[in-house]
Amino acid sequence: MRLYKASISLPVCTLFIAVLLIQKAGAARFLPDGSRLQFHFYEKSCPNVEKIVRQVVSSAVASEARMAGSLLRLHFHDCFVQGCDGSLLLKSIAGVIEGEQEALPNANSVRGFEVVDAIKAAIEQECPGIVSCADILALAARDSVAVSGGPSYPVQLGRRDSLTANRELANKNLPGFNFNVTDLVAAFANVGLSARDMVALSGGQSIGKARCNTFAARLTPDPQDPTALSSSYSSLLQQQCPAGAASDALVDLDVTTPIQFDNAYYSNLLSNRGLLHSDQVLYSTPGATRDLVNLYAQSNSAFAKDFCVAMLKMGSITPLTGSEGQVRNQCGYVNA
């Protein structure tokens, strides 16, 4: 089997990891004919699909490094709401569709839709009506990580696009930046992901940015709070967010290597430099999540392997397959 080989600092995840995941976790969704999401689903119907996605993503990230984190987040926020079905991409239409983009965890936050549209347009020119928007999100997420120096991994394909969106479920299912460990573990378990998956996927915060209002409450450190920001980091953030929650500024999620996908995110947590409360609690709360943070902070390869496994598992959350749903002509709209 062929793997996308990128010029990266972390090891490329092997097909063995994917097979092991399917065997142990049962993450792959079986199609009516007994097959399942496949690693080379478009090998005959659209053989250049991965090349096209990679080219558009590489260009977009070269123009704006922040876009890598944005595209990764789109896949995450899509899969947590009624499965990996591209529902997040649907635009709201009064009286017809109440889109997820306006849900509280997404509003003024999720972005990168123009890149997804560009990928879709390029694919439609070569093989119209074949590749789903849900699969584009999965491939774009993988390539965003790879072009940022992170690991690459084979992506299971064959998802179909939903006919509906669910804003209510988005408000309910998406993890919040003020969640504690118990909340986070429950939110991930709700979609079939383990605590280990949760800590590994949190490493996606190695790239990207957050607005000041998501962490403004942390700018006044409480010395009795184990999740409190270090004084030096708090001072730096106060300079970047002079008006606190009212500041519209963007701050790097990873203060150490903000555009490099690596394990510095976890090293930051060891010194109370986790930007969001939901980041720092992974280390500041005694127990299994702290142990994993220590492991990933010490071992880039351990983080890379577990991240790949968790991404494959997340990408298989209740997809539409076979004749379910449709392959949208435009990602933001259901076909006429």
C-alpha atoms as a PDB file:
ATOM      1  CA  MET A   1       0.000   0.000   0.000  1.00  0.00           C
ATOM      2  CA  ARG A   2       1.257   3.460  -0.823  1.00  0.00           C
ATOM      3  CA  LEU A   3       1.665   6.150   1.788  1.00  0.00           C
ATOM      4  CA  TYR A   4       1.906   9.910   1.270  1.00  0.00           C
ATOM      5  CA  LYS A   5       5.492  10.651   2.185  1.00  0.00           C
ATOM      6  CA  ALA A   6       6.139  14.221   3.271  1.00  0.00           C
ATOM      7  CA  SER A   7       9.376  15.911   4.215  1.00  0.00           C
ATOM      8  CA  ILE A   8       8.690  15.953   7.941  1.00  0.00           C
ATOM      9  CA  SER A   9      10.510  15.834  11.247  1.00  0.00           C
ATOM     10  CA  LEU A  10       8.162  13.334  12.866  1.00  0.00           C
ATOM     11  CA  PRO A  11       7.892   9.720  11.718  1.00  0.00           C
ATOM     12  CA  VAL A  12       5.341   8.840   9.067  1.00  0.00           C
ATOM     13  CA  CYS A  13       2.611   6.679  10.563  1.00  0.00           C
ATOM     14  CA  THR A  14       2.483   3.247   9.024  1.00  0.00           C
ATOM     15  CA  LEU A  15      -0.393   1.287   7.605  1.00  0.00           C
ATOM     16  CA  PHE A  16       0.124  -1.144  10.466  1.00  0.00           C
ATOM     17  CA  ILE A  17      -1.253   1.462  12.867  1.00  0.00           C
ATOM     18  CA  ALA A  18      -4.401   1.836  10.808  1.00  0.00           C
ATOM     19  CA  VAL A  19      -4.973  -1.909  10.548  1.00  0.00           C
ATOM     20  CA  LEU A  20      -4.339  -2.352  14.270  1.00  0.00           C
ATOM     21  CA  LEU A  21      -6.843   0.400  14.989  1.00  0.00           C
ATOM     22  CA  ILE A  22      -9.538  -1.267  12.901  1.00  0.00           C
ATOM     23  CA  GLN A  23      -8.932  -4.649  14.504  1.00  0.00           C
ATOM     24  CA  LYS A  24      -8.857  -3.409  18.088  1.00  0.00           C
ATOM     25  CA  ALA A  25     -11.274  -0.493  18.077  1.00  0.00           C
ATOM     26  CA  GLY A  26     -13.673  -1.427  15.303  1.00  0.00           C
ATOM     27  CA  ALA A  27     -13.515   2.143  14.090  1.00  0.00           C
ATOM     28  CA  ALA A  28     -14.195   1.472  10.424  1.00  0.00           C
ATOM     29  CA  ARG A  29     -17.802   1.703   9.266  1.00  0.00           C
ATOM     30  CA  PHE A  30     -18.848  -1.248   7.091  1.00  0.00           C
ATOM     31  CA  LEU A  31     -20.686  -0.608   3.840  1.00  0.00           C
ATOM     32  CA  PRO A  32     -23.794  -2.565   2.792  1.00  0.00           C
ATOM     33  CA  ASP A  33     -21.716  -4.872   0.590  1.00  0.00           C
ATOM     34  CA  GLY A  34     -19.544  -5.843   3.556  1.00  0.00           C
ATOM     35  CA  SER A  35     -16.614  -3.605   2.629  1.00  0.00           C
ATOM     36  CA  ARG A  36     -15.566  -0.613   4.696  1.00  0.00           C
ATOM     37  CA  LEU A  37     -14.026   2.815   4.331  1.00  0.00           C
ATOM     38  CA  GLN A  38     -10.986   2.188   2.196  1.00  0.00           C
ATOM     39  CA  PHE A  39      -7.525   3.675   2.044  1.00  0.00           C
ATOM     40  CA  HIS A  40      -7.638   3.901  -1.766  1.00  0.00           C
ATOM     41  CA  PHE A  41     -11.331   4.403  -2.337  1.00  0.00           C
ATOM     42  CA  TYR A  42     -10.759   6.755  -5.310  1.00  0.00           C
ATOM     43  CA  GLU A  43      -7.847   4.856  -6.849  1.00  0.00           C
ATOM     44  CA  LYS A  44      -9.769   4.206 -10.068  1.00  0.00           C
ATOM     45  CA  SER A  45     -12.534   6.831  -9.998  1.00  0.00           C
ATOM     46  CA  CYS A  46     -10.335   9.851  -9.149  1.00  0.00           C
ATOM     47  CA  PRO A  47      -6.698   8.742  -8.887  1.00  0.00           C
ATOM     48  CA  ASN A  48      -5.243  12.242  -8.459  1.00  0.00           C
ATOM     49  CA  VAL A  49      -7.509  13.328  -5.620  1.00  0.00           C
ATOM     50  CA  GLU A  50      -4.839  13.203  -2.913  1.00  0.00           C
ATOM     51  CA  LYS A  51      -2.356  15.065  -5.116  1.00  0.00           C
ATOM     52  CA  ILE A  52      -4.920  17.812  -5.774  1.00  0.00           C
ATOM     53  CA  VAL A  53      -5.791  18.210  -2.097  1.00  0.00           C
ATOM     54  CA  ARG A  54      -2.129  18.309  -1.124  1.00  0.00           C
ATOM     55  CA  GLN A  55      -1.331  20.990  -3.696  1.00  0.00           C
ATOM     56  CA  VAL A  56      -4.166  23.295  -2.654  1.00  0.00           C
ATOM     57  CA  VAL A  57      -3.473  22.831   1.060  1.00  0.00           C
ATOM     58  CA  SER A  58       0.263  23.408   0.597  1.00  0.00           C
ATOM     59  CA  SER A  59      -0.400  26.621  -1.303  1.00  0.00           C
ATOM     60  CA  ALA A  60      -2.921  27.866   1.261  1.00  0.00           C
ATOM     61  CA  VAL A  61      -0.625  27.178   4.229  1.00  0.00           C
ATOM     62  CA  ALA A  62       2.339  28.759   2.424  1.00  0.00           C
ATOM     63  CA  SER A  63       0.233  31.914   2.057  1.00  0.00           C
ATOM     64  CA  GLU A  64      -1.016  31.826   5.662  1.00  0.00           C
ATOM     65  CA  ALA A  65       0.493  29.438   8.195  1.00  0.00           C
ATOM     66  CA  ARG A  66      -2.572  29.767  10.440  1.00  0.00           C
ATOM     67  CA  MET A  67      -4.661  27.993   7.790  1.00  0.00           C
ATOM     68  CA  ALA A  68      -3.153  24.625   8.737  1.00  0.00           C
ATOM     69  CA  GLY A  69      -4.731  24.742  12.183  1.00  0.00           C
ATOM     70  CA  SER A  70      -7.997  26.027  10.724  1.00  0.00           C
ATOM     71  CA  LEU A  71      -8.340  23.125   8.266  1.00  0.00           C
ATOM     72  CA  LEU A  72      -7.470  20.574  10.953  1.00  0.00           C
ATOM     73  CA  ARG A  73     -10.135  22.073  13.194  1.00  0.00           C
ATOM     74  CA  LEU A  74     -12.797  21.883  10.465  1.00  0.00           C
ATOM     75  CA  HIS A  75     -12.451  18.094  10.334  1.00  0.00           C
ATOM     76  CA  PHE A  76     -12.577  17.876  14.140  1.00  0.00           C
ATOM     77  CA  HIS A  77     -15.673  20.050  14.445  1.00  0.00           C
ATOM     78  CA  ASP A  78     -17.379  18.214  11.605  1.00  0.00           C
ATOM     79  CA  CYS A  79     -16.861  14.722  13.011  1.00  0.00           C
ATOM     80  CA  PHE A  80     -18.101  15.589  16.509  1.00  0.00           C
ATOM     81  CA  VAL A  81     -21.548  16.552  15.179  1.00  0.00           C
ATOM     82  CA  GLN A  82     -23.554  13.693  13.618  1.00  0.00           C
ATOM     83  CA  GLY A  83     -20.337  12.078  12.371  1.00  0.00           C
ATOM     84  CA  CYS A  84     -17.823  12.890   9.617  1.00  0.00           C
ATOM     85  CA  ASP A  85     -20.370  13.902   6.997  1.00  0.00           C
ATOM     86  CA  GLY A  86     -19.466  17.432   5.917  1.00  0.00           C
ATOM     87  CA  SER A  87     -22.465  18.891   7.767  1.00  0.00           C
ATOM     88  CA  LEU A  88     -20.310  21.709   9.148  1.00  0.00           C
ATOM     89  CA  LEU A  89     -19.815  23.014   5.607  1.00  0.00           C
ATOM     90  CA  LEU A  90     -23.510  23.583   4.908  1.00  0.00           C
ATOM     91  CA  LYS A  91     -24.500  27.239   4.876  1.00  0.00           C
ATOM     92  CA  SER A  92     -27.605  28.366   6.727  1.00  0.00           C
ATOM     93  CA  ILE A  93     -30.669  28.969   4.572  1.00  0.00           C
ATOM     94  CA  ALA A  94     -33.633  30.585   6.332  1.00  0.00           C
ATOM     95  CA  GLY A  95     -36.447  28.090   6.770  1.00  0.00           C
ATOM     96  CA  VAL A  96     -34.424  25.294   5.169  1.00  0.00           C
ATOM     97  CA  ILE A  97     -31.125  24.624   6.973  1.00  0.00           C
ATOM     98  CA  GLU A  98     -29.927  25.907  10.336  1.00  0.00           C
ATOM     99  CA  GLY A  99     -26.205  25.580   9.822  1.00  0.00           C
ATOM    100  CA  GLU A 100     -23.591  24.551  12.376  1.00  0.00           C
ATOM    101  CA  GLN A 101     -21.235  27.411  11.558  1.00  0.00           C
ATOM    102  CA  GLU A 102     -23.303  29.722  13.754  1.00  0.00           C
ATOM    103  CA  ALA A 103     -23.260  27.365  16.754  1.00  0.00           C
ATOM    104  CA  LEU A 104     -21.599  28.937  19.798  1.00  0.00           C
ATOM    105  CA  PRO A 105     -18.363  26.870  19.609  1.00  0.00           C
ATOM    106  CA  ASN A 106     -18.052  27.699  15.890  1.00  0.00           C
ATOM    107  CA  ALA A 107     -19.246  31.297  15.546  1.00  0.00           C
ATOM    108  CA  ASN A 108     -16.480  33.733  14.649  1.00  0.00           C
ATOM    109  CA  SER A 109     -14.110  30.808  15.019  1.00  0.00           C
ATOM    110  CA  VAL A 110     -14.209  28.087  12.348  1.00  0.00           C
ATOM    111  CA  ARG A 111     -12.678  29.186   9.075  1.00  0.00           C
ATOM    112  CA  GLY A 112     -10.975  27.900   5.950  1.00  0.00           C
ATOM    113  CA  PHE A 113     -14.142  27.269   3.953  1.00  0.00           C
ATOM    114  CA  GLU A 114     -12.713  29.075   0.934  1.00  0.00           C
ATOM    115  CA  VAL A 115      -9.818  26.593   0.840  1.00  0.00           C
ATOM    116  CA  VAL A 116     -12.235  23.663   0.975  1.00  0.00           C
ATOM    117  CA  ASP A 117     -14.204  25.248  -1.871  1.00  0.00           C
ATOM    118  CA  ALA A 118     -11.002  25.663  -3.885  1.00  0.00           C
ATOM    119  CA  ILE A 119     -10.129  22.000  -3.358  1.00  0.00           C
ATOM    120  CA  LYS A 120     -13.619  20.936  -4.374  1.00  0.00           C
ATOM    121  CA  ALA A 121     -13.539  23.087  -7.518  1.00  0.00           C
ATOM    122  CA  ALA A 122     -10.177  21.638  -8.564  1.00  0.00           C
ATOM    123  CA  ILE A 123     -11.383  18.077  -8.009  1.00  0.00           C
ATOM    124  CA  GLU A 124     -14.658  18.672  -9.843  1.00  0.00           C
ATOM    125  CA  GLN A 125     -12.704  19.771 -12.917  1.00  0.00           C
ATOM    126  CA  GLU A 126     -10.922  16.428 -13.016  1.00  0.00           C
ATOM    127  CA  CYS A 127     -13.572  13.995 -11.761  1.00  0.00           C
ATOM    128  CA  PRO A 128     -16.983  15.640 -11.269  1.00  0.00           C
ATOM    129  CA  GLY A 129     -19.476  14.210  -8.818  1.00  0.00           C
ATOM    130  CA  ILE A 130     -17.082  11.632  -7.362  1.00  0.00           C
ATOM    131  CA  VAL A 131     -15.308  12.966  -4.260  1.00  0.00           C
ATOM    132  CA  SER A 132     -17.329  13.950  -1.207  1.00  0.00           C
ATOM    133  CA  CYS A 133     -16.748  17.101   0.811  1.00  0.00           C
ATOM    134  CA  ALA A 134     -16.489  14.960   3.967  1.00  0.00           C
ATOM    135  CA  ASP A 135     -13.522  13.125   2.428  1.00  0.00           C
ATOM    136  CA  ILE A 136     -11.960  16.443   1.398  1.00  0.00           C
ATOM    137  CA  LEU A 137     -12.045  17.550   5.054  1.00  0.00           C
ATOM    138  CA  ALA A 138     -10.312  14.341   6.146  1.00  0.00           C
ATOM    139  CA  LEU A 139      -7.577  14.667   3.521  1.00  0.00           C
ATOM    140  CA  ALA A 140      -7.081  18.399   4.104  1.00  0.00           C
ATOM    141  CA  ALA A 141      -6.651  17.796   7.836  1.00  0.00           C
ATOM    142  CA  ARG A 142      -3.982  15.159   7.219  1.00  0.00           C
ATOM    143  CA  ASP A 143      -2.105  17.345   4.758  1.00  0.00           C
ATOM    144  CA  SER A 144      -2.312  20.414   7.012  1.00  0.00           C
ATOM    145  CA  VAL A 145      -0.488  18.467   9.704  1.00  0.00           C
ATOM    146  CA  ALA A 146       2.093  17.091   7.256  1.00  0.00           C
ATOM    147  CA  VAL A 147       2.971  20.440   5.633  1.00  0.00           C
ATOM    148  CA  SER A 148       3.417  21.884   9.143  1.00  0.00           C
ATOM    149  CA  GLY A 149       6.135  19.344   9.895  1.00  0.00           C
ATOM    150  CA  GLY A 150       3.925  16.748  11.559  1.00  0.00           C
ATOM    151  CA  PRO A 151       3.297  13.097  10.723  1.00  0.00           C
ATOM    152  CA  SER A 152       1.454  11.870   7.673  1.00  0.00           C
ATOM    153  CA  TYR A 153      -0.884   8.905   7.758  1.00  0.00           C
ATOM    154  CA  PRO A 154      -3.110   6.987   5.328  1.00  0.00           C
ATOM    155  CA  VAL A 155      -6.697   8.259   5.265  1.00  0.00           C
ATOM    156  CA  GLN A 156      -9.718   5.992   4.963  1.00  0.00           C
ATOM    157  CA  LEU A 157     -12.093   7.305   2.304  1.00  0.00           C
ATOM    158  CA  GLY A 158     -15.590   6.643   1.024  1.00  0.00           C
ATOM    159  CA  ARG A 159     -17.635   9.011   3.164  1.00  0.00           C
ATOM    160  CA  ARG A 160     -20.750  10.639   1.757  1.00  0.00           C
ATOM    161  CA  ASP A 161     -22.101  14.127   2.438  1.00  0.00           C
ATOM    162  CA  SER A 162     -25.088  14.782   4.679  1.00  0.00           C
ATOM    163  CA  LEU A 163     -28.324  16.398   3.568  1.00  0.00           C
ATOM    164  CA  THR A 164     -28.724  18.196   6.891  1.00  0.00           C
ATOM    165  CA  ALA A 165     -26.835  20.080   9.602  1.00  0.00           C
ATOM    166  CA  ASN A 166     -27.489  20.120  13.341  1.00  0.00           C
ATOM    167  CA  ARG A 167     -26.721  23.357  15.194  1.00  0.00           C
ATOM    168  CA  GLU A 168     -28.281  22.083  18.422  1.00  0.00           C
ATOM    169  CA  LEU A 169     -26.003  19.056  18.438  1.00  0.00           C
ATOM    170  CA  ALA A 170     -22.987  21.270  17.671  1.00  0.00           C
ATOM    171  CA  ASN A 171     -23.755  23.356  20.759  1.00  0.00           C
ATOM    172  CA  LYS A 172     -24.081  20.177  22.802  1.00  0.00           C
ATOM    173  CA  ASN A 173     -21.247  17.966  21.497  1.00  0.00           C
ATOM    174  CA  LEU A 174     -18.296  20.228  20.779  1.00  0.00           C
ATOM    175  CA  PRO A 175     -15.818  20.483  23.691  1.00  0.00           C
ATOM    176  CA  GLY A 176     -15.482  23.919  25.262  1.00  0.00           C
ATOM    177  CA  PHE A 177     -12.317  25.868  26.088  1.00  0.00           C
ATOM    178  CA  ASN A 178     -13.369  25.995  29.764  1.00  0.00           C
ATOM    179  CA  PHE A 179     -13.894  22.228  30.100  1.00  0.00           C
ATOM    180  CA  ASN A 180     -12.160  20.311  32.870  1.00  0.00           C
ATOM    181  CA  VAL A 181     -10.755  16.804  32.405  1.00  0.00           C
ATOM    182  CA  THR A 182     -14.009  15.100  33.385  1.00  0.00           C
ATOM    183  CA  ASP A 183     -15.900  17.175  30.817  1.00  0.00           C
ATOM    184  CA  LEU A 184     -13.339  16.467  28.117  1.00  0.00           C
ATOM    185  CA  VAL A 185     -13.269  12.729  28.725  1.00  0.00           C
ATOM    186  CA  ALA A 186     -17.082  12.627  28.612  1.00  0.00           C
ATOM    187  CA  ALA A 187     -17.286  14.685  25.409  1.00  0.00           C
ATOM    188  CA  PHE A 188     -14.848  12.402  23.606  1.00  0.00           C
ATOM    189  CA  ALA A 189     -16.415   9.228  25.005  1.00  0.00           C
ATOM    190  CA  ASN A 190     -19.734  10.475  23.643  1.00  0.00           C
ATOM    191  CA  VAL A 191     -18.383   9.981  20.108  1.00  0.00           C
ATOM    192  CA  GLY A 192     -16.488   6.768  20.860  1.00  0.00           C
ATOM    193  CA  LEU A 193     -13.048   8.204  21.584  1.00  0.00           C
ATOM    194  CA  SER A 194     -10.921   7.312  24.606  1.00  0.00           C
ATOM    195  CA  ALA A 195      -9.124   9.535  27.090  1.00  0.00           C
ATOM    196  CA  ARG A 196      -5.875   8.658  25.310  1.00  0.00           C
ATOM    197  CA  ASP A 197      -7.398   9.747  21.998  1.00  0.00           C
ATOM    198  CA  MET A 198      -8.475  12.985  23.649  1.00  0.00           C
ATOM    199  CA  VAL A 199      -5.011  13.860  24.944  1.00  0.00           C
ATOM    200  CA  ALA A 200      -3.385  12.953  21.611  1.00  0.00           C
ATOM    201  CA  LEU A 201      -5.907  14.952  19.572  1.00  0.00           C
ATOM    202  CA  SER A 202      -5.446  17.918  21.907  1.00  0.00           C
ATOM    203  CA  GLY A 203      -1.953  18.088  20.421  1.00  0.00           C
ATOM    204  CA  GLY A 204      -3.629  19.506  17.334  1.00  0.00           C
ATOM    205  CA  GLN A 205      -3.435  22.758  19.285  1.00  0.00           C
ATOM    206  CA  SER A 206       0.251  22.707  18.395  1.00  0.00           C
ATOM    207  CA  ILE A 207      -0.750  24.886  15.429  1.00  0.00           C
ATOM    208  CA  GLY A 208      -3.326  27.633  15.100  1.00  0.00           C
ATOM    209  CA  LYS A 209      -4.473  30.636  17.077  1.00  0.00           C
ATOM    210  CA  ALA A 210      -7.156  31.610  19.607  1.00  0.00           C
ATOM    211  CA  ARG A 211      -8.926  34.899  20.296  1.00  0.00           C
ATOM    212  CA  CYS A 212      -8.323  36.722  23.556  1.00  0.00           C
ATOM    213  CA  ASN A 213     -11.877  36.170  24.786  1.00  0.00           C
ATOM    214  CA  THR A 214     -11.284  32.404  24.961  1.00  0.00           C
ATOM    215  CA  PHE A 215      -8.667  32.764  27.703  1.00  0.00           C
ATOM    216  CA  ALA A 216      -9.146  36.302  29.100  1.00  0.00           C
ATOM    217  CA  ALA A 217     -10.321  34.932  32.448  1.00  0.00           C
ATOM    218  CA  ARG A 218      -6.877  33.339  32.843  1.00  0.00           C
ATOM    219  CA  LEU A 219      -5.016  36.648  32.586  1.00  0.00           C
ATOM    220  CA  THR A 220      -5.477  37.292  36.309  1.00  0.00           C
ATOM    221  CA  PRO A 221      -3.622  34.327  37.819  1.00  0.00           C
ATOM    222  CA  ASP A 222      -4.917  32.726  40.995  1.00  0.00           C
ATOM    223  CA  PRO A 223      -1.926  31.339  42.910  1.00  0.00           C
ATOM    224  CA  GLN A 224      -4.208  28.701  44.441  1.00  0.00           C
ATOM    225  CA  ASP A 225      -5.304  27.447  41.010  1.00  0.00           C
ATOM    226  CA  PRO A 226      -3.073  24.618  39.695  1.00  0.00           C
ATOM    227  CA  THR A 227      -4.103  25.502  36.117  1.00  0.00           C
ATOM    228  CA  ALA A 228      -3.060  29.162  36.469  1.00  0.00           C
ATOM    229  CA  LEU A 229      -0.730  30.546  33.805  1.00  0.00           C
ATOM    230  CA  SER A 230       2.898  31.065  34.739  1.00  0.00           C
ATOM    231  CA  SER A 231       3.539  34.698  35.659  1.00  0.00           C
ATOM    232  CA  SER A 232       5.871  35.299  32.703  1.00  0.00           C
ATOM    233  CA  TYR A 233       3.424  33.806  30.208  1.00  0.00           C
ATOM    234  CA  SER A 234       0.532  35.724  31.740  1.00  0.00           C
ATOM    235  CA  SER A 235       2.486  38.976  31.379  1.00  0.00           C
ATOM    236  CA  LEU A 236       3.193  38.215  27.727  1.00  0.00           C
ATOM    237  CA  LEU A 237      -0.487  37.490  27.038  1.00  0.00           C
ATOM    238  CA  GLN A 238      -1.592  40.678  28.776  1.00  0.00           C
ATOM    239  CA  GLN A 239       0.559  42.604  26.324  1.00  0.00           C
ATOM    240  CA  GLN A 240      -1.063  40.780  23.415  1.00  0.00           C
ATOM    241  CA  CYS A 241      -4.586  41.252  24.820  1.00  0.00           C
ATOM    242  CA  PRO A 242      -4.474  44.752  26.371  1.00  0.00           C
ATOM    243  CA  ALA A 243      -8.277  45.000  26.538  1.00  0.00           C
ATOM    244  CA  GLY A 244      -8.750  41.484  27.914  1.00  0.00           C
ATOM    245  CA  ALA A 245     -11.859  39.749  26.593  1.00  0.00           C
ATOM    246  CA  ALA A 246     -12.681  42.839  24.541  1.00  0.00           C
ATOM    247  CA  SER A 247      -9.476  42.408  22.523  1.00  0.00           C
ATOM    248  CA  ASP A 248     -10.057  40.900  19.106  1.00  0.00           C
ATOM    249  CA  ALA A 249      -6.405  39.909  18.804  1.00  0.00           C
ATOM    250  CA  LEU A 250      -5.282  36.415  17.878  1.00  0.00           C
ATOM    251  CA  VAL A 251      -2.694  34.600  19.968  1.00  0.00           C
ATOM    252  CA  ASP A 252      -0.673  31.502  19.097  1.00  0.00           C
ATOM    253  CA  LEU A 253      -1.961  28.361  20.795  1.00  0.00           C
ATOM    254  CA  ASP A 254       1.623  27.111  21.105  1.00  0.00           C
ATOM    255  CA  VAL A 255       3.929  29.838  22.395  1.00  0.00           C
ATOM    256  CA  THR A 256       7.087  27.853  21.618  1.00  0.00           C
ATOM    257  CA  THR A 257       6.760  26.577  18.015  1.00  0.00           C
ATOM    258  CA  PRO A 258       3.510  28.155  16.795  1.00  0.00           C
ATOM    259  CA  ILE A 259       3.614  27.014  13.157  1.00  0.00           C
ATOM    260  CA  GLN A 260       5.434  23.713  13.672  1.00  0.00           C
ATOM    261  CA  PHE A 261       3.373  20.617  14.409  1.00  0.00           C
ATOM    262  CA  ASP A 262       5.304  18.959  17.226  1.00  0.00           C
ATOM    263  CA  ASN A 263       5.166  17.972  20.870  1.00  0.00           C
ATOM    264  CA  ALA A 264       6.079  21.429  22.224  1.00  0.00           C
ATOM    265  CA  TYR A 265       2.376  21.828  23.063  1.00  0.00           C
ATOM    266  CA  TYR A 266       2.830  19.235  25.823  1.00  0.00           C
ATOM    267  CA  SER A 267       6.162  20.647  27.018  1.00  0.00           C
ATOM    268  CA  ASN A 268       4.406  23.996  27.461  1.00  0.00           C
ATOM    269  CA  LEU A 269       1.873  22.389  29.793  1.00  0.00           C
ATOM    270  CA  LEU A 270       4.671  21.235  32.116  1.00  0.00           C
ATOM    271  CA  SER A 271       5.493  24.879  32.835  1.00  0.00           C
ATOM    272  CA  ASN A 272       1.881  26.161  32.968  1.00  0.00           C
ATOM    273  CA  ARG A 273       1.971  27.677  29.516  1.00  0.00           C
ATOM    274  CA  GLY A 274      -1.192  26.053  28.220  1.00  0.00           C
ATOM    275  CA  LEU A 275      -3.156  28.891  26.631  1.00  0.00           C
ATOM    276  CA  LEU A 276      -6.662  27.530  27.233  1.00  0.00           C
ATOM    277  CA  HIS A 277      -8.006  26.134  30.477  1.00  0.00           C
ATOM    278  CA  SER A 278      -8.930  22.941  28.597  1.00  0.00           C
ATOM    279  CA  ASP A 279      -5.264  22.601  27.599  1.00  0.00           C
ATOM    280  CA  GLN A 280      -3.677  23.124  31.004  1.00  0.00           C
ATOM    281  CA  VAL A 281      -6.052  20.817  32.883  1.00  0.00           C
ATOM    282  CA  LEU A 282      -4.597  17.857  30.962  1.00  0.00           C
ATOM    283  CA  TYR A 283      -1.434  18.235  33.024  1.00  0.00           C
ATOM    284  CA  SER A 284      -2.615  20.056  36.127  1.00  0.00           C
ATOM    285  CA  THR A 285      -5.156  17.331  36.952  1.00  0.00           C
ATOM    286  CA  PRO A 286      -3.473  14.296  38.551  1.00  0.00           C
ATOM    287  CA  GLY A 287      -4.134  11.021  36.780  1.00  0.00           C
ATOM    288  CA  ALA A 288      -3.945   9.379  33.366  1.00  0.00           C
ATOM    289  CA  THR A 289      -4.021  12.576  31.326  1.00  0.00           C
ATOM    290  CA  ARG A 290      -1.016  13.966  33.210  1.00  0.00           C
ATOM    291  CA  ASP A 291       0.877  10.731  32.559  1.00  0.00           C
ATOM    292  CA  LEU A 292       0.163  11.031  28.835  1.00  0.00           C
ATOM    293  CA  VAL A 293       1.240  14.679  28.758  1.00  0.00           C
ATOM    294  CA  ASN A 294       4.535  13.647  30.353  1.00  0.00           C
ATOM    295  CA  LEU A 295       4.948  10.853  27.800  1.00  0.00           C
ATOM    296  CA  TYR A 296       4.262  13.075  24.798  1.00  0.00           C
ATOM    297  CA  ALA A 297       6.435  15.898  26.142  1.00  0.00           C
ATOM    298  CA  GLN A 298       9.333  13.449  26.349  1.00  0.00           C
ATOM    299  CA  SER A 299       8.689  11.586  23.086  1.00  0.00           C
ATOM    300  CA  ASN A 300       7.810  13.183  19.775  1.00  0.00           C
ATOM    301  CA  SER A 301       7.401   9.755  18.206  1.00  0.00           C
ATOM    302  CA  ALA A 302       4.970   8.536  20.895  1.00  0.00           C
ATOM    303  CA  PHE A 303       2.828  11.613  20.312  1.00  0.00           C
ATOM    304  CA  ALA A 304       2.996  11.223  16.517  1.00  0.00           C
ATOM    305  CA  LYS A 305       1.916   7.580  16.629  1.00  0.00           C
ATOM    306  CA  ASP A 306      -0.975   8.147  19.016  1.00  0.00           C
ATOM    307  CA  PHE A 307      -2.098  11.243  17.110  1.00  0.00           C
ATOM    308  CA  CYS A 308      -2.264   9.300  13.850  1.00  0.00           C
ATOM    309  CA  VAL A 309      -4.260   6.498  15.459  1.00  0.00           C
ATOM    310  CA  ALA A 310      -6.652   8.974  17.068  1.00  0.00           C
ATOM    311  CA  MET A 311      -7.151  10.859  13.787  1.00  0.00           C
ATOM    312  CA  LEU A 312      -8.000   7.635  11.952  1.00  0.00           C
ATOM    313  CA  LYS A 313     -10.396   6.706  14.708  1.00  0.00           C
ATOM    314  CA  MET A 314     -12.034  10.143  14.757  1.00  0.00           C
ATOM    315  CA  GLY A 315     -12.323  10.119  10.971  1.00  0.00           C
ATOM    316  CA  SER A 316     -14.432   6.983  11.206  1.00  0.00           C
ATOM    317  CA  ILE A 317     -17.116   8.383  13.509  1.00  0.00           C
ATOM    318  CA  THR A 318     -20.472   7.312  12.017  1.00  0.00           C
ATOM    319  CA  PRO A 319     -19.818   8.270   8.392  1.00  0.00           C
ATOM    320  CA  LEU A 320     -22.508   8.137   5.743  1.00  0.00           C
ATOM    321  CA  THR A 321     -21.505   5.467   3.232  1.00  0.00           C
ATOM    322  CA  GLY A 322     -22.768   3.530   0.237  1.00  0.00           C
ATOM    323  CA  SER A 323     -25.981   5.109  -1.003  1.00  0.00           C
ATOM    324  CA  GLU A 324     -26.518   7.238   2.119  1.00  0.00           C
ATOM    325  CA  GLY A 325     -26.470  11.013   1.734  1.00  0.00           C
ATOM    326  CA  GLN A 326     -24.948  12.362  -1.471  1.00  0.00           C
ATOM    327  CA  VAL A 327     -21.769  13.725  -3.032  1.00  0.00           C
ATOM    328  CA  ARG A 328     -22.370  17.470  -3.029  1.00  0.00           C
ATOM    329  CA  ASN A 329     -21.547  19.506  -6.115  1.00  0.00           C
ATOM    330  CA  GLN A 330     -20.733  22.486  -3.887  1.00  0.00           C
ATOM    331  CA  CYS A 331     -19.671  21.852  -0.310  1.00  0.00           C
ATOM    332  CA  GLY A 332     -21.806  24.600   1.156  1.00  0.00           C
ATOM    333  CA  TYR A 333     -25.085  23.467  -0.375  1.00  0.00           C
ATOM    334  CA  VAL A 334     -27.148  20.318  -0.759  1.00  0.00           C
ATOM    335  CA  ASN A 335     -27.623  19.361  -4.404  1.00  0.00           C
ATOM    336  CA  ALA A 336     -30.846  20.574  -6.012  1.00  0.00           C
END
